[in-house]
Amino acid sequence: MKFFKVISGLALLAFPCMMSAQEKVVPLKYGDMEQWVTRRIHESGIIGGKTKLLYELGPTQEIDGNIAYVNQGGSPWGNSNVMAKVMGIVKTNTSVYPEKRETGGHCARLETHIESVKVLGLVNITVLASGSLFLGDMKEPITGTKDGEKALNSGVPFTSRPKAVRYDYKVQMSGEPNRIRQTGFSRKSTVEGQDCAIMTCFLQKRTEDKDGNIIAKRVGTAVVRYSKTEGWHNGATYEISYGDITHDAHYDAGLMGLGAGHYYARNSKGESVLIQENGWAGADEKPTHLILQFTSSLGGAFVGSPGNKIWVDNVSLVY
């Protein structure tokens, strides 16, 4: 039976489900969080010249130098760890980390924090950065905070119809009643509503028109919002709902509606364009792309509560 309920502060917008003994579980490549690329980035001397570490999911290796990153070893994963070059100044942001689990192995820790760079008379930027781990890639270097989401290439080619998403997770909430917005060039402001961590899974059927616009119909949807501190849950499984779900009891237009997330992708010309979701696909249609994202804060770029964290491990799809 489909249902919507709240358990221990966890709002389930997707359906938690019990799969049959005949299920087929397919781990996502590098989704066990055991292999990481470690990047050694040397920030500009004018801001201290420190060497910072950025982490990417991919074959275990180290990369030393201020080199724009491209996904290694066929990894389908990108994240919010980036090298930026603003007004000639190299600066980094790290909000996703590998972390050892008490039971062995590693997981990914995503966290929301404040990042700043100040050079008297030249640049003064303070931003809120949330941790994000997603299928896709990031174009570096980031050159500013305006339209930064255009650097993300969201989603990967995908033509299957899984029944559910499964992963291990742990959550720590900041405890703040409201969020903040801090974009770098405007004053810090308050955004009403408690922060939460999010898992988003969208299956899309995409086409590209003659002008390079990416048009998509939504094939499948699963969204989970975590709003309370919780210990490890292993094998958490969330059903993917297919077709038009606007009349389902669990439907949340803000998080699950067409265009939710304002995702960008690169078209065939290499240009970053907003994915225009213009309708719901038929319940039996096959997708062309899969968007899967974990993030430590709700509200989009530069919005959240410092201290929010979510740990993720063993990401797979269930058939």
Foldseek 3Di string as FASTA:
>chain_A
DFDWDADPQWGFLFGFDDDDPPKDWFFAVLQQVQAKEWEWEFWDVLQPRDTDIEIDRDHHDYHYYDDWDDHPPPHQKAKDWAWAQEPNTTDTDHQWDWDADPVGGIWIKGFWDKDWTDHPPPFTFIFIDTIKMKGFYFTDDHHFLPPRLLRTAFWDFDWDDFFKKWWKKFWDFPPDQWKWFGRTPDDIDTGGGGKWKKKWKWFWAWDADPVGAIEIATFWTGMITRRHGDGMDHTGIGGIQGWDCPPPPSDDCQCTNFCRPQHWRAGPVRGIDGHGHDYHDPNPHTGGIMIIMIIQTDDDTRMGHGPIMMIIRRIITMD
